Amino acid sequence: MLDHDDIHPLFHGAPDSTEFRKLRKRLVRLTREAIETYAMVEPGARWLVCLSGGKDSYTLLAVLTELQWRGLLPVDILACNLDQGQPGFPATVLPEFLARMGVPHRIEYQDTYSIVTDKIPAGRTYCALCSRLRRGHLYRIAREEGCSAVVLGHHRDDILETFFMNLFHGGRLATMPPKLLNEEGDLHVLRPLAFVAEEDCARFARAMNYPIIPCDLCGSQEGLQRMQVKAILDGWERNAPGRRQVMFRALMNARPSHLLDPSLFDFAALERRSKTDEPPAADTGDVPLLR
């Protein structure tokens, strides 16, 4: 399927090595798997693929465009970069790159940087407000462009880190879902890289020599909760390689009867029976069994 001699322009200049071919195939396979597992494709869909200029969004765009080009992703793709007005942001990098690669795109300028730095006190993190403002503009752009989904470059490690941030700081078991309906109910938010490791995105972007644009707003702040969680996960991974993947599989294998949320499992309906009672029939109806 992935003939190295017949590739989309986004892959031109790719290393001609066995290692890179395996990486590329793995990215495509895992992305297809996530798209199929979470039923991301709708007939006639048009996706707004958000491109920040980081390694993850470049990987997302390359893999989705490859799948579309090969007829394996029947959606229209519009790449979008939201220039948020950070000082020194290289505004010409992404438009020139996307034009050179022949990728349909829209570049939007909205100075959310000034709003964030004005509203957030010194020493506090910008992420929450910055994310809300960015998401609002992306939803608006998606509607203006007739898109049915906003597609983001969050990967497996982002999802794991968010789970632990919610666990440690939010007091809830929750994370970024691969597929989400926005509050208005008119747009899907999709994360096709949900099964992809961050390191694979980094290796791919480095190998392709994409023009990476660092985040000079939240990415430059120290002491972020996400960075603390990342350090914890890195330590676990060093001590037990593969630990991240085991934990990620756990997010796909939830057992409500073995947790403590009565809204997810009817503990009151659990009925004890004595040894003299007849064994329950095969059809237990609505009575939940402890598993």
Protein backbone atom coordinates (compact mmCIF):
# COMPACT_ATOMS: atom_id res chain seq x y z
CA MET A 1 0.00 0.00 0.00
CA LEU A 2 2.81 2.38 0.86
CA ASP A 3 5.01 2.19 -2.23
CA HIS A 4 7.95 4.50 -1.55
CA ASP A 5 8.20 5.47 -5.22
CA ASP A 6 4.61 6.72 -5.46
CA ILE A 7 3.90 9.15 -2.67
CA HIS A 8 2.11 12.39 -1.94
CA PRO A 9 4.22 15.58 -2.12
CA LEU A 10 4.10 15.83 1.68
CA PHE A 11 6.36 12.77 1.72
CA HIS A 12 8.83 13.92 -0.92
CA GLY A 13 12.35 13.81 0.45
CA ALA A 14 11.50 11.05 2.89
CA PRO A 15 14.45 8.88 3.98
CA ASP A 16 14.80 5.76 1.88
CA SER A 17 15.43 3.48 4.83
CA THR A 18 13.71 0.41 6.22
CA GLU A 19 13.35 2.09 9.60
CA PHE A 20 11.50 5.07 8.14
CA ARG A 21 9.24 2.86 6.03
CA LYS A 22 8.26 0.92 9.14
CA LEU A 23 7.57 4.17 10.99
CA ARG A 24 5.46 5.53 8.16
CA LYS A 25 3.45 2.33 7.85
CA ARG A 26 2.88 2.26 11.59
CA LEU A 27 1.59 5.84 11.60
CA VAL A 28 -0.80 5.11 8.75
CA ARG A 29 -1.99 1.83 10.30
CA LEU A 30 -2.63 3.30 13.75
CA THR A 31 -4.39 6.36 12.34
CA ARG A 32 -6.66 4.20 10.18
CA GLU A 33 -7.36 2.01 13.19
CA ALA A 34 -8.42 4.99 15.31
CA ILE A 35 -10.59 6.41 12.51
CA GLU A 36 -12.36 3.07 12.11
CA THR A 37 -12.62 2.23 15.82
CA TYR A 38 -14.34 5.51 16.64
CA ALA A 39 -16.37 5.84 13.42
CA MET A 40 -14.89 9.22 12.53
CA VAL A 41 -15.87 9.29 8.86
CA GLU A 42 -19.31 10.50 7.78
CA PRO A 43 -20.57 10.52 4.17
CA GLY A 44 -19.70 13.80 2.48
CA ALA A 45 -17.60 14.99 5.41
CA ARG A 46 -15.27 17.98 5.21
CA TRP A 47 -12.56 18.19 7.84
CA LEU A 48 -10.85 21.29 9.19
CA VAL A 49 -7.39 19.92 10.00
CA CYS A 50 -5.74 22.26 12.50
CA LEU A 51 -2.07 22.95 11.86
CA SER A 52 -0.06 24.69 14.57
CA GLY A 53 3.34 24.14 13.01
CA GLY A 54 4.38 21.62 15.67
CA LYS A 55 5.56 18.07 15.08
CA ASP A 56 2.19 16.52 15.92
CA SER A 57 0.09 18.61 13.53
CA TYR A 58 2.57 18.10 10.67
CA THR A 59 2.34 14.35 11.25
CA LEU A 60 -1.46 14.54 11.36
CA LEU A 61 -1.66 16.46 8.09
CA ALA A 62 0.80 14.17 6.30
CA VAL A 63 -0.90 10.94 7.33
CA LEU A 64 -4.45 12.15 6.65
CA THR A 65 -3.46 13.57 3.27
CA GLU A 66 -1.73 10.30 2.40
CA LEU A 67 -4.83 8.30 3.32
CA GLN A 68 -7.07 10.65 1.34
CA TRP A 69 -4.74 10.59 -1.68
CA ARG A 70 -4.83 6.80 -1.73
CA GLY A 71 -8.63 6.68 -1.52
CA LEU A 72 -8.64 5.34 2.04
CA LEU A 73 -10.13 8.45 3.66
CA PRO A 74 -13.23 9.68 1.76
CA VAL A 75 -13.36 13.21 3.15
CA ASP A 76 -12.37 16.68 1.97
CA ILE A 77 -9.48 18.21 3.90
CA LEU A 78 -8.89 21.88 4.59
CA ALA A 79 -5.74 22.69 6.57
CA CYS A 80 -6.07 25.67 8.89
CA ASN A 81 -3.57 27.65 10.92
CA LEU A 82 -4.74 30.15 13.51
CA ASP A 83 -2.06 32.81 13.92
CA GLN A 84 -2.69 33.97 17.50
CA GLY A 85 -0.42 36.99 17.37
CA GLN A 86 2.52 35.77 19.46
CA PRO A 87 5.48 38.13 19.06
CA GLY A 88 7.97 36.80 16.56
CA PHE A 89 5.63 34.20 15.08
CA PRO A 90 6.95 33.35 11.57
CA ALA A 91 3.73 34.12 9.72
CA THR A 92 5.00 33.11 6.26
CA VAL A 93 6.28 29.62 7.12
CA LEU A 94 3.02 27.67 7.04
CA PRO A 95 1.37 29.45 4.06
CA GLU A 96 4.49 28.90 1.96
CA PHE A 97 4.79 25.27 3.07
CA LEU A 98 1.13 24.45 2.37
CA ALA A 99 1.17 26.19 -1.01
CA ARG A 100 4.34 24.34 -2.00
CA MET A 101 2.78 21.02 -1.01
CA GLY A 102 -0.48 21.75 -2.83
CA VAL A 103 -2.59 21.45 0.33
CA PRO A 104 -5.86 23.46 0.41
CA HIS A 105 -5.63 25.76 3.40
CA ARG A 106 -6.86 28.80 5.26
CA ILE A 107 -4.70 31.07 7.41
CA GLU A 108 -6.57 33.08 10.04
CA TYR A 109 -5.13 35.89 12.15
CA GLN A 110 -6.69 36.57 15.55
CA ASP A 111 -4.72 38.30 18.30
CA THR A 112 -5.64 36.05 21.22
CA TYR A 113 -2.11 36.49 22.62
CA SER A 114 -2.86 40.01 23.86
CA ILE A 115 -6.11 38.88 25.46
CA VAL A 116 -4.43 35.99 27.29
CA THR A 117 -1.50 38.03 28.58
CA ASP A 118 -3.86 40.80 29.69
CA LYS A 119 -6.32 38.53 31.53
CA ILE A 120 -3.95 36.02 33.14
CA PRO A 121 -1.92 37.31 36.13
CA ALA A 122 1.85 37.02 36.05
CA GLY A 123 3.04 33.58 37.07
CA ARG A 124 -0.19 31.80 36.13
CA THR A 125 -0.41 29.43 33.17
CA TYR A 126 -2.05 30.55 29.95
CA CYS A 127 -3.21 27.17 28.62
CA ALA A 128 -6.87 27.12 29.69
CA LEU A 129 -7.84 30.55 28.37
CA CYS A 130 -5.66 30.25 25.28
CA SER A 131 -7.26 26.90 24.44
CA ARG A 132 -10.82 28.23 24.88
CA LEU A 133 -10.18 31.23 22.65
CA ARG A 134 -8.47 29.12 20.00
CA ARG A 135 -11.23 26.51 20.02
CA GLY A 136 -13.91 29.17 19.62
CA HIS A 137 -12.23 30.61 16.52
CA LEU A 138 -11.68 27.14 15.05
CA TYR A 139 -15.35 26.29 15.49
CA ARG A 140 -16.30 29.53 13.76
CA ILE A 141 -13.92 28.87 10.87
CA ALA A 142 -15.21 25.31 10.51
CA ARG A 143 -18.77 26.59 10.18
CA GLU A 144 -17.75 29.29 7.69
CA GLU A 145 -15.95 26.67 5.56
CA GLY A 146 -18.79 24.14 5.68
CA CYS A 147 -16.77 21.64 7.70
CA SER A 148 -18.39 18.93 9.80
CA ALA A 149 -15.37 18.26 12.03
CA VAL A 150 -12.45 20.03 13.66
CA VAL A 151 -9.48 17.65 13.56
CA LEU A 152 -6.71 17.99 16.14
CA GLY A 153 -3.22 16.50 16.44
CA HIS A 154 -3.45 15.14 19.99
CA HIS A 155 -1.71 11.77 20.28
CA ARG A 156 -1.67 8.85 22.72
CA ASP A 157 0.64 10.60 25.20
CA ASP A 158 -1.53 13.75 25.26
CA ILE A 159 -4.53 11.57 26.10
CA LEU A 160 -2.66 9.78 28.89
CA GLU A 161 -1.32 13.03 30.35
CA THR A 162 -4.80 14.55 30.36
CA PHE A 163 -6.16 11.49 32.17
CA PHE A 164 -3.59 11.85 34.94
CA MET A 165 -4.07 15.61 35.14
CA ASN A 166 -7.78 15.03 35.71
CA LEU A 167 -6.97 12.27 38.22
CA PHE A 168 -4.41 14.29 40.21
CA HIS A 169 -5.88 17.77 39.95
CA GLY A 170 -9.51 17.45 38.82
CA GLY A 171 -10.76 14.55 40.93
CA ARG A 172 -12.34 12.73 37.98
CA LEU A 173 -11.65 9.89 35.58
CA ALA A 174 -11.71 11.64 32.20
CA THR A 175 -9.47 12.43 29.27
CA MET A 176 -9.52 13.68 25.67
CA PRO A 177 -11.85 11.35 23.72
CA PRO A 178 -10.89 10.46 20.14
CA LYS A 179 -14.33 11.66 19.01
CA LEU A 180 -16.39 14.36 20.69
CA LEU A 181 -19.52 16.36 19.85
CA ASN A 182 -19.21 20.06 20.66
CA GLU A 183 -21.66 21.71 23.04
CA GLU A 184 -23.70 23.20 20.19
CA GLY A 185 -24.02 19.74 18.65
CA ASP A 186 -23.09 20.79 15.12
CA LEU A 187 -19.40 19.82 14.95
CA HIS A 188 -17.34 16.77 15.77
CA VAL A 189 -13.91 17.16 17.36
CA LEU A 190 -11.67 14.34 16.12
CA ARG A 191 -8.25 13.07 17.22
CA PRO A 192 -7.11 10.53 14.61
CA LEU A 193 -3.63 10.23 16.19
CA ALA A 194 -5.17 8.83 19.39
CA PHE A 195 -3.24 5.55 19.06
CA VAL A 196 0.06 7.14 17.96
CA ALA A 197 2.97 7.63 20.37
CA GLU A 198 4.45 11.11 20.70
CA GLU A 199 7.94 9.78 20.00
CA ASP A 200 6.77 8.46 16.62
CA CYS A 201 5.46 11.93 15.72
CA ALA A 202 8.78 13.44 16.73
CA ARG A 203 10.81 10.90 14.76
CA PHE A 204 8.63 11.37 11.70
CA ALA A 205 8.77 15.18 11.74
CA ARG A 206 12.54 15.12 12.23
CA ALA A 207 13.03 12.67 9.38
CA MET A 208 10.87 14.80 7.06
CA ASN A 209 12.62 17.99 8.17
CA TYR A 210 9.32 19.87 8.43
CA PRO A 211 9.66 23.56 9.43
CA ILE A 212 8.72 23.27 13.10
CA ILE A 213 7.32 26.38 14.81
CA PRO A 214 7.69 26.30 18.62
CA CYS A 215 4.93 27.60 20.87
CA ASP A 216 6.15 30.85 22.46
CA LEU A 217 3.12 31.25 24.71
CA CYS A 218 2.25 28.30 26.98
CA GLY A 219 5.08 26.16 25.63
CA SER A 220 7.61 28.58 27.09
CA GLN A 221 6.23 28.50 30.65
CA GLU A 222 7.84 26.44 33.38
CA GLY A 223 6.09 24.40 36.07
CA LEU A 224 3.04 23.44 34.00
CA GLN A 225 0.94 20.60 35.41
CA ARG A 226 1.18 18.79 32.09
CA MET A 227 4.98 18.93 32.15
CA GLN A 228 4.97 17.52 35.68
CA VAL A 229 2.73 14.65 34.61
CA LYS A 230 4.89 14.04 31.54
CA ALA A 231 7.95 13.75 33.78
CA ILE A 232 6.17 11.17 35.95
CA LEU A 233 5.16 9.11 32.91
CA ASP A 234 8.69 9.37 31.49
CA GLY A 235 10.05 7.95 34.74
CA TRP A 236 7.61 5.06 34.72
CA GLU A 237 8.44 4.35 31.08
CA ARG A 238 12.18 4.27 31.81
CA ASN A 239 11.68 1.83 34.68
CA ALA A 240 9.20 -0.36 32.79
CA PRO A 241 9.32 0.12 28.99
CA GLY A 242 5.87 -0.21 27.45
CA ARG A 243 4.10 1.11 30.55
CA ARG A 244 2.45 3.94 28.58
CA GLN A 245 0.84 1.53 26.15
CA VAL A 246 -0.45 -0.68 28.99
CA MET A 247 -2.02 2.34 30.68
CA PHE A 248 -3.52 3.51 27.41
CA ARG A 249 -5.12 0.09 26.86
CA ALA A 250 -6.68 0.44 30.31
CA LEU A 251 -8.56 3.53 29.09
CA MET A 252 -10.17 1.28 26.47
CA ASN A 253 -11.04 -1.42 29.00
CA ALA A 254 -13.15 0.30 31.66
CA ARG A 255 -15.21 -1.81 34.08
CA PRO A 256 -17.89 0.33 35.72
CA SER A 257 -18.80 -2.42 38.20
CA HIS A 258 -15.27 -2.25 39.61
CA LEU A 259 -15.27 1.51 40.05
CA LEU A 260 -17.26 3.68 42.48
CA ASP A 261 -19.60 5.75 40.33
CA PRO A 262 -23.24 4.79 41.03
CA SER A 263 -24.38 6.74 37.98
CA LEU A 264 -22.49 4.27 35.76
CA PHE A 265 -23.40 1.07 37.58
CA ASP A 266 -26.53 0.18 39.56
CA PHE A 267 -25.01 -1.11 42.78
CA ALA A 268 -28.41 -1.05 44.49
CA ALA A 269 -29.69 -3.69 42.08
CA LEU A 270 -27.03 -6.22 43.10
CA GLU A 271 -28.92 -9.01 44.92
CA ARG A 272 -27.32 -11.65 47.06
CA ARG A 273 -28.68 -15.21 46.89
CA SER A 274 -28.30 -18.03 49.37
CA LYS A 275 -26.76 -21.40 48.59
CA THR A 276 -30.24 -23.00 48.52
CA ASP A 277 -31.50 -20.66 45.80
CA GLU A 278 -31.80 -21.95 42.29
CA PRO A 279 -29.00 -20.75 39.97
CA PRO A 280 -30.08 -17.72 37.97
CA ALA A 281 -31.39 -18.29 34.48
CA ALA A 282 -29.12 -17.55 31.55
CA ASP A 283 -31.12 -14.38 30.80
CA THR A 284 -30.59 -12.10 33.82
CA GLY A 285 -32.56 -9.25 32.32
CA ASP A 286 -31.62 -5.85 33.69
CA VAL A 287 -30.08 -7.13 36.94
CA PRO A 288 -26.35 -6.27 36.87
CA LEU A 289 -23.85 -8.92 37.92
CA LEU A 290 -20.62 -8.14 39.72
CA ARG A 291 -17.79 -9.01 37.39
